[in-house]
Amino acid sequence: MSPEPSTRGAILIAEDEASIRESLADVLRDEQYDVTSVPDGAAAIVALDTQEFDLVISDLRMPGADGLTILTHAREVAPQTLVLLMTAHATVETAVEALQRGAQDYLLKPLIFDDVLHKIAHLLEHRQVAWEHQELRHQVARRWDFDNLVGRSAAMREVMALAQRVAPTRSTVLITGESGAGKEVVARAIHHFSDRAERIFLPVNCGAIPESLLESQLFGHLRGSFTGAVSNQEGLFARARGGTIFLDEIGDLPLGLQVKLLRAIEHKEILPVGASTPSKVDLRVIAASNCELIKAVAEGRFREDLYYRLNVVGIEIPPLRERRDDLPLLIDHFVRLHNRELKRSFKGVDGATMKILMASPWKGNVRELDNVIEHAMILGEGPWITPADLPRGLKGTAQPGAAPSDDLREALRSYERAHIETVLAKVDHDKKVAAERLGVSLSSLYRKIEELGIGALDGDA
């Protein structure tokens, strides 16, 4: 018969110095914790993907992956796991960054084991309170609301209006759109203006959590229900109590778990792994997908009843290439954001850079634009972002032409008008073909033609 499993919790130690790792592991095992120890960050990430832990203790600087990378991965695959970071090089900046990114606390080397044990016992004893407090502090630091839904295009105004109307209700919402289009921003805005705003907003990427752990992560488990389940663990549905759970990439949810999710939404109850009695939960569900769920339904990969239960209110976010008139506002937003984060003082982008950014296909949508602006502000000298500051792949995007007007809005309209006219001429004014080449819907092309005053609407296919 196997020994009685520990009831104090499972702890992962990630530390590249063997003496510290082994000493800390021995001390924790003496206190009846179930301990797994690994020598580098890469091994820690593998452990998080294959096992469940109540607490991770990670060195900040390690080969393979540093402590902040492990923290980020833990928040993605096991958001309820507590994280302590160890460092011998603590500064106010690293401590603040660790806490803002979701760590519960940090430990200073050399370790004083009595202090470490006290901190661990306190965190695990008050786990739910500590976790909620950290999550809410993380959300306040990011400050998501409708101000983050940047855009003046008709399409984004429609998204904002619909999000504001559904926010005060308790209805489930299905947000669709390409990766990087801003689905989580919309979900956070809905939560921010709901009656659950003071409670947790809990994002869960259904495609990032290994399938073998997904059911336990979502719905919890009882001690001994599977190998490695050394203690009872609440799932994310229970831990989001009173708040909002955001299920991103919902199309990746296995069919077996879709049944449990449907029950959780319809009956407000869950069944933890190993349990025979369901538990009541109180939370709002917002889901998102970058794939066509209705197609997945037709192919038998997604339950039809769950699709309609999720899609009580549907919000579709158009890709960035279909709303290029939002680019100046988004660029200004990201410049201001990264000025704060990077402690820089950029004024914006110059005219040549704007032309390049307007011409980019933005396959990665708003997320790609954010990364491009951050890249430019790290490498650039300022005060304006220039083409030389952009990633190499973007520098050759701009097309030759006359210098635009000094007025930014008119310059953008002039560029869009000239580009659409060029593409229409290439395809003999076949609107359907032009829309495909431009990467926009046919209705969006007609709207642009009308807004920009591009000739008569002749030559329709």
Protein backbone atom coordinates (compact mmCIF):
# COMPACT_ATOMS: atom_id res chain seq x y z
CA MET A 1 0.00 0.00 0.00
CA SER A 2 1.31 3.44 -0.90
CA PRO A 3 1.95 5.92 1.91
CA GLU A 4 -0.72 8.42 2.86
CA PRO A 5 -0.26 11.46 0.60
CA SER A 6 0.67 14.76 2.14
CA THR A 7 -2.21 17.06 3.00
CA ARG A 8 -0.17 20.26 3.20
CA GLY A 9 0.12 20.88 -0.53
CA ALA A 10 2.30 20.29 -3.57
CA ILE A 11 5.26 22.64 -4.15
CA LEU A 12 7.52 23.03 -7.18
CA ILE A 13 11.03 24.40 -6.57
CA ALA A 14 12.93 25.79 -9.58
CA GLU A 15 16.52 26.70 -8.64
CA ASP A 16 19.77 26.21 -10.56
CA GLU A 17 22.02 26.25 -7.47
CA ALA A 18 21.98 22.65 -6.24
CA SER A 19 22.81 23.43 -2.61
CA ILE A 20 19.92 25.90 -2.26
CA ARG A 21 17.50 23.65 -4.18
CA GLU A 22 18.27 20.54 -2.15
CA SER A 23 18.31 22.30 1.22
CA LEU A 24 14.99 24.00 0.59
CA ALA A 25 13.45 20.74 -0.66
CA ASP A 26 14.61 18.87 2.48
CA VAL A 27 13.19 21.55 4.77
CA LEU A 28 9.82 21.52 2.99
CA ARG A 29 9.61 17.72 2.97
CA ASP A 30 10.29 17.71 6.72
CA GLU A 31 7.21 19.93 7.03
CA GLN A 32 5.14 17.31 5.13
CA TYR A 33 4.90 19.17 1.83
CA ASP A 34 4.93 17.16 -1.40
CA VAL A 35 7.99 18.61 -3.19
CA THR A 36 9.18 18.47 -6.78
CA SER A 37 12.50 20.20 -7.52
CA VAL A 38 14.02 21.06 -10.91
CA PRO A 39 17.37 22.66 -11.85
CA ASP A 40 16.28 25.12 -14.55
CA GLY A 41 13.41 27.07 -16.02
CA ALA A 42 12.76 24.74 -18.95
CA ALA A 43 12.23 21.80 -16.58
CA ALA A 44 9.90 23.95 -14.46
CA ILE A 45 7.71 24.68 -17.48
CA VAL A 46 7.54 20.95 -18.32
CA ALA A 47 6.55 20.19 -14.71
CA LEU A 48 3.78 22.81 -14.80
CA ASP A 49 2.45 21.24 -18.00
CA THR A 50 2.30 17.74 -16.53
CA GLN A 51 1.56 18.15 -12.81
CA GLU A 52 -0.54 20.32 -10.53
CA PHE A 53 1.01 22.43 -7.81
CA ASP A 54 -0.33 24.60 -5.03
CA LEU A 55 2.79 26.75 -4.99
CA VAL A 56 5.81 27.44 -7.21
CA ILE A 57 9.06 28.77 -5.71
CA SER A 58 11.34 29.93 -8.52
CA ASP A 59 14.67 31.69 -8.75
CA LEU A 60 14.44 34.90 -10.74
CA ARG A 61 17.60 34.25 -12.79
CA MET A 62 18.02 30.76 -14.26
CA PRO A 63 19.07 29.05 -17.46
CA GLY A 64 16.33 27.74 -19.75
CA ALA A 65 13.72 30.28 -18.65
CA ASP A 66 13.87 32.99 -16.01
CA GLY A 67 11.51 33.39 -13.08
CA LEU A 68 9.26 35.92 -14.81
CA THR A 69 8.83 33.52 -17.76
CA ILE A 70 7.87 30.74 -15.36
CA LEU A 71 5.47 33.13 -13.61
CA THR A 72 3.83 34.03 -16.93
CA HIS A 73 3.52 30.36 -17.91
CA ALA A 74 2.07 29.42 -14.52
CA ARG A 75 -0.57 32.13 -14.82
CA GLU A 76 -1.50 30.78 -18.24
CA VAL A 77 -1.67 27.03 -17.58
CA ALA A 78 -2.51 27.08 -13.84
CA PRO A 79 -3.81 30.52 -12.86
CA GLN A 80 -4.73 29.43 -9.32
CA THR A 81 -1.17 28.29 -8.49
CA LEU A 82 0.63 30.66 -6.14
CA VAL A 83 4.10 31.87 -7.13
CA LEU A 84 7.04 33.05 -4.99
CA LEU A 85 10.14 34.40 -6.73
CA MET A 86 13.60 34.15 -5.15
CA THR A 87 16.37 36.63 -5.91
CA ALA A 88 19.70 37.81 -4.60
CA HIS A 89 19.44 40.94 -6.74
CA ALA A 90 16.16 42.45 -5.59
CA THR A 91 15.31 46.01 -6.57
CA VAL A 92 12.13 48.00 -6.21
CA GLU A 93 11.56 47.67 -9.98
CA THR A 94 11.89 43.87 -10.08
CA ALA A 95 9.68 43.47 -7.03
CA VAL A 96 6.97 45.70 -8.46
CA GLU A 97 7.15 43.95 -11.85
CA ALA A 98 6.87 40.52 -10.22
CA LEU A 99 3.86 41.55 -8.14
CA GLN A 100 2.12 43.30 -11.04
CA ARG A 101 2.61 40.23 -13.22
CA GLY A 102 0.93 38.01 -10.65
CA ALA A 103 3.50 36.78 -8.12
CA GLN A 104 2.23 36.55 -4.54
CA ASP A 105 5.55 37.64 -3.02
CA TYR A 106 9.32 37.41 -3.40
CA LEU A 107 12.06 35.89 -1.23
CA LEU A 108 15.50 37.41 -0.68
CA LYS A 109 18.64 35.28 -0.74
CA PRO A 110 20.27 34.04 1.37
CA LEU A 111 17.07 32.32 2.49
CA ILE A 112 16.06 32.27 6.12
CA PHE A 113 14.14 29.00 6.24
CA ASP A 114 11.96 29.93 9.23
CA ASP A 115 10.77 33.02 7.33
CA VAL A 116 10.21 30.97 4.18
CA LEU A 117 8.14 28.37 6.04
CA HIS A 118 6.08 31.07 7.72
CA LYS A 119 5.39 32.79 4.40
CA ILE A 120 4.44 29.52 2.67
CA ALA A 121 2.17 28.41 5.50
CA HIS A 122 0.45 31.79 5.54
CA LEU A 123 -0.09 31.82 1.77
CA LEU A 124 -1.44 28.27 1.59
CA GLU A 125 -3.64 28.71 4.65
CA HIS A 126 -5.18 31.87 3.21
CA ARG A 127 -4.79 30.74 -0.38
CA GLN A 128 -8.10 31.98 -1.78
CA VAL A 129 -7.81 35.41 -0.17
CA ALA A 130 -4.16 35.79 -1.20
CA TRP A 131 -4.90 34.68 -4.75
CA GLU A 132 -7.93 36.96 -5.13
CA HIS A 133 -6.02 39.91 -3.68
CA GLN A 134 -3.14 39.37 -6.10
CA GLU A 135 -5.44 38.93 -9.08
CA LEU A 136 -7.37 42.11 -8.28
CA ARG A 137 -4.11 44.04 -7.78
CA HIS A 138 -2.94 42.73 -11.14
CA GLN A 139 -6.16 43.90 -12.78
CA VAL A 140 -6.01 47.35 -11.19
CA ALA A 141 -2.44 47.75 -12.45
CA ARG A 142 -3.59 47.02 -16.01
CA ARG A 143 -6.72 49.19 -15.72
CA TRP A 144 -8.85 47.70 -18.51
CA ASP A 145 -12.04 49.51 -19.47
CA PHE A 146 -13.75 50.96 -22.52
CA ASP A 147 -10.88 53.44 -22.93
CA ASN A 148 -8.83 50.46 -24.14
CA LEU A 149 -11.30 49.83 -26.98
CA VAL A 150 -9.45 52.28 -29.17
CA GLY A 151 -11.04 53.10 -32.49
CA ARG A 152 -13.22 55.54 -34.37
CA SER A 153 -14.17 53.27 -37.28
CA ALA A 154 -17.82 52.38 -37.74
CA ALA A 155 -17.00 48.75 -37.03
CA MET A 156 -15.37 49.48 -33.67
CA ARG A 157 -18.09 51.92 -32.67
CA GLU A 158 -20.54 49.08 -33.21
CA VAL A 159 -18.42 46.73 -31.07
CA MET A 160 -18.25 49.33 -28.27
CA ALA A 161 -21.98 49.98 -28.36
CA LEU A 162 -22.82 46.28 -28.19
CA ALA A 163 -20.33 45.66 -25.37
CA GLN A 164 -21.78 48.53 -23.34
CA ARG A 165 -25.32 47.26 -23.82
CA VAL A 166 -24.54 43.69 -22.74
CA ALA A 167 -22.22 44.63 -19.82
CA PRO A 168 -24.95 45.27 -17.18
CA THR A 169 -26.70 41.96 -17.98
CA ARG A 170 -25.73 38.48 -16.79
CA SER A 171 -25.93 36.91 -20.23
CA THR A 172 -23.14 34.77 -21.64
CA VAL A 173 -21.21 36.43 -24.47
CA LEU A 174 -19.29 34.88 -27.37
CA ILE A 175 -16.57 37.12 -28.81
CA THR A 176 -15.14 36.12 -32.18
CA GLY A 177 -12.28 37.47 -34.23
CA GLU A 178 -8.78 36.70 -35.41
CA SER A 179 -5.91 36.18 -32.97
CA GLY A 180 -4.62 39.48 -31.68
CA ALA A 181 -7.75 41.44 -32.63
CA GLY A 182 -8.54 42.39 -29.02
CA LYS A 183 -11.04 39.81 -27.77
CA GLU A 184 -9.74 39.87 -24.20
CA VAL A 185 -9.84 43.67 -24.13
CA VAL A 186 -13.54 43.57 -25.02
CA ALA A 187 -14.18 40.87 -22.41
CA ARG A 188 -12.42 42.90 -19.71
CA ALA A 189 -14.40 45.98 -20.66
CA ILE A 190 -17.67 44.06 -20.33
CA HIS A 191 -16.61 42.85 -16.88
CA HIS A 192 -15.47 46.34 -15.86
CA PHE A 193 -18.95 47.79 -16.51
CA SER A 194 -20.89 44.87 -15.03
CA ASP A 195 -22.18 44.44 -11.49
CA ARG A 196 -19.28 42.00 -10.96
CA ALA A 197 -16.59 44.64 -11.54
CA GLU A 198 -15.29 44.48 -7.96
CA ARG A 199 -14.73 40.72 -8.23
CA ILE A 200 -12.19 38.73 -10.21
CA PHE A 201 -11.91 38.67 -14.00
CA LEU A 202 -10.20 35.34 -14.67
CA PRO A 203 -8.84 34.69 -18.18
CA VAL A 204 -8.27 31.05 -19.15
CA ASN A 205 -6.69 29.97 -22.44
CA CYS A 206 -8.33 26.62 -23.16
CA GLY A 207 -5.71 25.86 -25.81
CA ALA A 208 -2.72 26.51 -23.53
CA ILE A 209 -3.58 24.12 -20.68
CA PRO A 210 -2.60 20.49 -21.41
CA GLU A 211 -5.71 18.37 -22.00
CA SER A 212 -4.73 15.97 -19.21
CA LEU A 213 -4.91 18.82 -16.68
CA LEU A 214 -7.71 20.89 -18.18
CA GLU A 215 -10.69 19.29 -16.39
CA SER A 216 -9.00 19.53 -13.00
CA GLN A 217 -7.92 23.12 -13.65
CA LEU A 218 -11.42 24.21 -14.62
CA PHE A 219 -13.55 22.23 -12.18
CA GLY A 220 -11.15 21.15 -9.41
CA HIS A 221 -10.39 17.74 -7.93
CA LEU A 222 -10.48 15.77 -4.70
CA ARG A 223 -7.38 14.45 -2.98
CA GLY A 224 -6.37 11.05 -4.36
CA SER A 225 -8.60 11.28 -7.44
CA PHE A 226 -5.55 10.81 -9.70
CA THR A 227 -1.78 10.42 -9.41
CA GLY A 228 -0.33 13.65 -8.06
CA ALA A 229 -3.58 14.87 -6.47
CA VAL A 230 -2.06 15.22 -3.01
CA SER A 231 -4.74 17.56 -1.72
CA ASN A 232 -8.17 18.88 -2.60
CA GLN A 233 -8.02 21.71 -5.11
CA GLU A 234 -10.64 24.18 -6.18
CA GLY A 235 -11.00 24.69 -9.92
CA LEU A 236 -11.06 28.02 -11.69
CA PHE A 237 -14.86 28.03 -11.85
CA ALA A 238 -15.00 27.93 -8.06
CA ARG A 239 -12.16 30.43 -7.63
CA ALA A 240 -13.84 32.98 -9.89
CA ARG A 241 -16.72 33.11 -7.43
CA GLY A 242 -18.88 36.16 -7.99
CA GLY A 243 -16.70 37.31 -10.88
CA THR A 244 -16.24 36.62 -14.58
CA ILE A 245 -14.40 33.73 -16.22
CA PHE A 246 -13.13 34.38 -19.74
CA LEU A 247 -12.67 31.17 -21.72
CA ASP A 248 -10.39 32.05 -24.62
CA GLU A 249 -9.94 29.65 -27.56
CA ILE A 250 -13.12 27.85 -26.50
CA GLY A 251 -13.05 25.87 -29.75
CA ASP A 252 -10.10 23.89 -28.35
CA LEU A 253 -12.18 22.53 -25.46
CA PRO A 254 -12.46 18.71 -25.73
CA LEU A 255 -15.96 17.34 -26.36
CA GLY A 256 -16.07 15.60 -22.98
CA LEU A 257 -15.47 18.85 -21.13
CA GLN A 258 -18.02 20.67 -23.30
CA VAL A 259 -20.73 18.65 -21.54
CA LYS A 260 -19.46 19.78 -18.13
CA LEU A 261 -19.22 23.38 -19.28
CA LEU A 262 -22.80 23.29 -20.55
CA ARG A 263 -23.96 22.04 -17.15
CA ALA A 264 -21.95 24.74 -15.39
CA ILE A 265 -23.62 27.44 -17.48
CA GLU A 266 -27.17 26.04 -17.40
CA HIS A 267 -27.35 24.81 -13.81
CA LYS A 268 -24.62 26.94 -12.17
CA GLU A 269 -22.95 23.84 -10.77
CA ILE A 270 -19.75 21.87 -11.35
CA LEU A 271 -18.53 18.35 -10.55
CA PRO A 272 -14.88 18.24 -9.43
CA VAL A 273 -12.78 15.26 -10.54
CA GLY A 274 -13.35 12.42 -8.07
CA ALA A 275 -16.49 13.98 -6.57
CA SER A 276 -19.97 12.48 -6.61
CA THR A 277 -21.85 15.58 -5.49
CA PRO A 278 -21.93 18.75 -7.64
CA SER A 279 -21.04 22.15 -6.19
CA LYS A 280 -22.87 25.40 -6.91
CA VAL A 281 -20.97 28.26 -8.55
CA ASP A 282 -21.83 31.90 -9.16
CA LEU A 283 -20.00 33.54 -12.06
CA ARG A 284 -20.46 34.99 -15.51
CA VAL A 285 -19.04 33.20 -18.55
CA ILE A 286 -17.58 35.07 -21.52
CA ALA A 287 -16.05 32.92 -24.25
CA ALA A 288 -13.95 33.72 -27.29
CA SER A 289 -12.78 31.95 -30.41
CA ASN A 290 -10.64 32.74 -33.42
CA CYS A 291 -12.18 29.90 -35.42
CA GLU A 292 -15.62 29.49 -36.96
CA LEU A 293 -17.45 27.63 -34.21
CA ILE A 294 -20.53 27.10 -36.35
CA LYS A 295 -18.30 25.21 -38.80
CA ALA A 296 -16.92 23.17 -35.88
CA VAL A 297 -20.53 22.37 -34.93
CA ALA A 298 -21.25 21.14 -38.46
CA GLU A 299 -18.14 18.95 -38.35
CA GLY A 300 -19.07 17.47 -34.97
CA ARG A 301 -16.12 19.04 -33.13
CA PHE A 302 -18.25 21.39 -31.02
CA ARG A 303 -21.61 20.79 -29.36
CA GLU A 304 -24.46 22.65 -30.96
CA ASP A 305 -26.31 23.15 -27.65
CA LEU A 306 -23.18 24.65 -26.06
CA TYR A 307 -22.63 26.94 -29.03
CA TYR A 308 -26.10 28.46 -28.71
CA ARG A 309 -25.79 28.66 -24.92
CA LEU A 310 -22.54 30.62 -25.29
CA ASN A 311 -23.74 32.75 -28.17
CA VAL A 312 -26.63 34.45 -26.37
CA VAL A 313 -24.94 37.69 -27.41
CA GLY A 314 -22.30 37.51 -30.11
CA ILE A 315 -19.68 40.21 -30.70
CA GLU A 316 -17.45 40.01 -33.77
CA ILE A 317 -14.26 42.05 -33.73
CA PRO A 318 -13.09 42.96 -37.25
CA PRO A 319 -9.41 42.47 -38.12
CA LEU A 320 -7.20 45.54 -38.08
CA ARG A 321 -6.79 45.51 -41.88
CA GLU A 322 -10.54 46.19 -42.19
CA ARG A 323 -10.38 49.27 -39.95
CA ARG A 324 -7.20 51.07 -40.94
CA ASP A 325 -8.68 54.40 -39.90
CA ASP A 326 -8.23 53.15 -36.31
CA LEU A 327 -4.45 52.91 -36.77
CA PRO A 328 -3.54 56.51 -35.77
CA LEU A 329 -5.49 56.24 -32.51
CA LEU A 330 -4.04 52.81 -31.74
CA ILE A 331 -0.51 54.01 -32.50
CA ASP A 332 -0.96 57.01 -30.22
CA HIS A 333 -2.40 54.73 -27.50
CA PHE A 334 0.57 52.34 -27.65
CA VAL A 335 3.12 55.17 -27.74
CA ARG A 336 1.64 56.63 -24.55
CA LEU A 337 1.43 53.17 -22.95
CA HIS A 338 5.05 52.28 -23.71
CA ASN A 339 6.30 55.73 -22.77
CA ARG A 340 5.08 54.92 -19.25
CA GLU A 341 6.37 51.34 -19.23
CA LEU A 342 9.76 52.06 -20.84
CA LYS A 343 10.23 55.49 -19.25
CA ARG A 344 10.63 57.11 -22.68
CA SER A 345 9.24 60.35 -24.10
CA PHE A 346 8.34 59.64 -27.73
CA LYS A 347 5.92 62.05 -29.38
CA GLY A 348 4.62 59.58 -31.98
CA VAL A 349 5.56 58.39 -35.47
CA ASP A 350 6.80 60.52 -38.35
CA GLY A 351 5.02 60.75 -41.71
CA ALA A 352 7.15 58.14 -43.48
CA THR A 353 6.60 55.66 -40.66
CA MET A 354 2.86 56.26 -40.66
CA LYS A 355 2.79 55.48 -44.38
CA ILE A 356 4.57 52.17 -43.74
CA LEU A 357 2.25 51.27 -40.87
CA MET A 358 -0.83 52.10 -42.93
CA ALA A 359 0.39 49.79 -45.71
CA SER A 360 1.17 46.79 -43.49
CA PRO A 361 -1.18 43.78 -43.75
CA TRP A 362 -1.27 43.35 -39.93
CA LYS A 363 -1.80 39.61 -39.96
CA GLY A 364 -1.23 39.65 -36.19
CA ASN A 365 -3.76 42.47 -35.75
CA VAL A 366 -3.59 44.83 -32.75
CA ARG A 367 -1.19 42.57 -30.85
CA GLU A 368 1.29 42.77 -33.73
CA LEU A 369 0.96 46.57 -33.87
CA ASP A 370 1.62 46.77 -30.12
CA ASN A 371 4.77 44.66 -30.52
CA VAL A 372 5.98 46.78 -33.46
CA ILE A 373 5.57 50.05 -31.53
CA GLU A 374 7.30 48.60 -28.45
CA HIS A 375 10.17 47.31 -30.63
CA ALA A 376 10.58 50.73 -32.26
CA MET A 377 10.56 52.57 -28.93
CA ILE A 378 13.18 50.24 -27.43
CA LEU A 379 15.56 50.69 -30.38
CA GLY A 380 14.74 54.25 -31.40
CA GLU A 381 16.39 57.41 -30.12
CA GLY A 382 13.29 59.57 -30.45
CA PRO A 383 11.55 61.90 -30.17
CA TRP A 384 9.74 60.45 -33.22
CA ILE A 385 9.58 56.83 -34.39
CA THR A 386 11.24 56.60 -37.81
CA PRO A 387 11.30 53.83 -40.45
CA ALA A 388 14.79 52.85 -39.25
CA ASP A 389 13.29 51.93 -35.84
CA LEU A 390 10.79 49.44 -37.27
CA PRO A 391 11.32 45.66 -37.51
CA ARG A 392 13.08 44.71 -40.74
CA GLY A 393 10.00 43.08 -42.27
CA LEU A 394 8.00 46.32 -42.17
CA LYS A 395 10.58 48.74 -43.57
CA GLY A 396 9.85 47.95 -47.23
CA THR A 397 6.05 48.07 -46.93
CA ALA A 398 5.48 51.69 -47.93
CA GLN A 399 4.60 52.35 -51.56
CA PRO A 400 5.95 55.26 -53.60
CA GLY A 401 3.76 58.24 -54.22
CA ALA A 402 3.35 61.93 -53.66
CA ALA A 403 4.07 63.36 -50.26
CA PRO A 404 0.89 63.41 -48.16
CA SER A 405 -0.79 66.43 -46.68
CA ASP A 406 0.53 67.75 -43.37
CA ASP A 407 -2.90 67.06 -41.86
CA LEU A 408 -2.65 63.50 -40.50
CA ARG A 409 -6.29 62.56 -41.03
CA GLU A 410 -6.33 63.81 -44.60
CA ALA A 411 -2.98 62.10 -45.29
CA LEU A 412 -4.43 58.79 -44.17
CA ARG A 413 -7.56 59.26 -46.26
CA SER A 414 -5.41 60.17 -49.24
CA TYR A 415 -3.30 57.06 -48.85
CA GLU A 416 -6.32 54.76 -48.46
CA ARG A 417 -8.05 56.34 -51.44
CA ALA A 418 -4.99 55.97 -53.68
CA HIS A 419 -4.35 52.38 -52.59
CA ILE A 420 -7.94 51.23 -53.12
CA GLU A 421 -8.09 52.95 -56.50
CA THR A 422 -4.85 51.21 -57.52
CA VAL A 423 -6.16 47.79 -56.54
CA LEU A 424 -9.51 48.40 -58.25
CA ALA A 425 -7.71 49.38 -61.45
CA LYS A 426 -5.60 46.21 -61.32
CA VAL A 427 -8.71 43.97 -61.20
CA ASP A 428 -10.74 45.98 -63.71
CA HIS A 429 -13.00 47.30 -60.91
CA ASP A 430 -14.21 43.84 -59.88
CA LYS A 431 -15.27 44.62 -56.31
CA LYS A 432 -15.25 41.02 -55.11
CA VAL A 433 -11.73 40.39 -56.35
CA ALA A 434 -10.54 43.76 -55.03
CA ALA A 435 -11.98 43.00 -51.59
CA GLU A 436 -10.11 39.69 -51.53
CA ARG A 437 -6.83 41.35 -52.50
CA LEU A 438 -7.30 44.10 -49.95
CA GLY A 439 -8.11 41.53 -47.25
CA VAL A 440 -11.47 43.09 -46.36
CA SER A 441 -15.07 42.03 -46.69
CA LEU A 442 -17.08 43.18 -49.70
CA SER A 443 -19.35 45.28 -47.47
CA SER A 444 -16.30 46.97 -45.92
CA LEU A 445 -14.96 47.81 -49.38
CA TYR A 446 -18.28 49.37 -50.41
CA ARG A 447 -18.29 51.40 -47.19
CA LYS A 448 -14.76 52.63 -47.86
CA ILE A 449 -15.59 53.52 -51.47
CA GLU A 450 -18.51 55.62 -50.23
CA GLU A 451 -16.57 57.23 -47.35
CA LEU A 452 -13.59 58.15 -49.53
CA GLY A 453 -15.60 59.25 -52.58
CA ILE A 454 -13.98 56.80 -54.98
CA GLY A 455 -15.73 57.25 -58.36
CA ALA A 456 -19.08 55.73 -59.25
CA LEU A 457 -20.01 52.25 -58.05
CA ASP A 458 -19.79 50.70 -61.49
CA GLY A 459 -18.17 47.53 -62.72
CA ASP A 460 -19.77 45.42 -59.95
CA ALA A 461 -19.26 41.68 -60.25
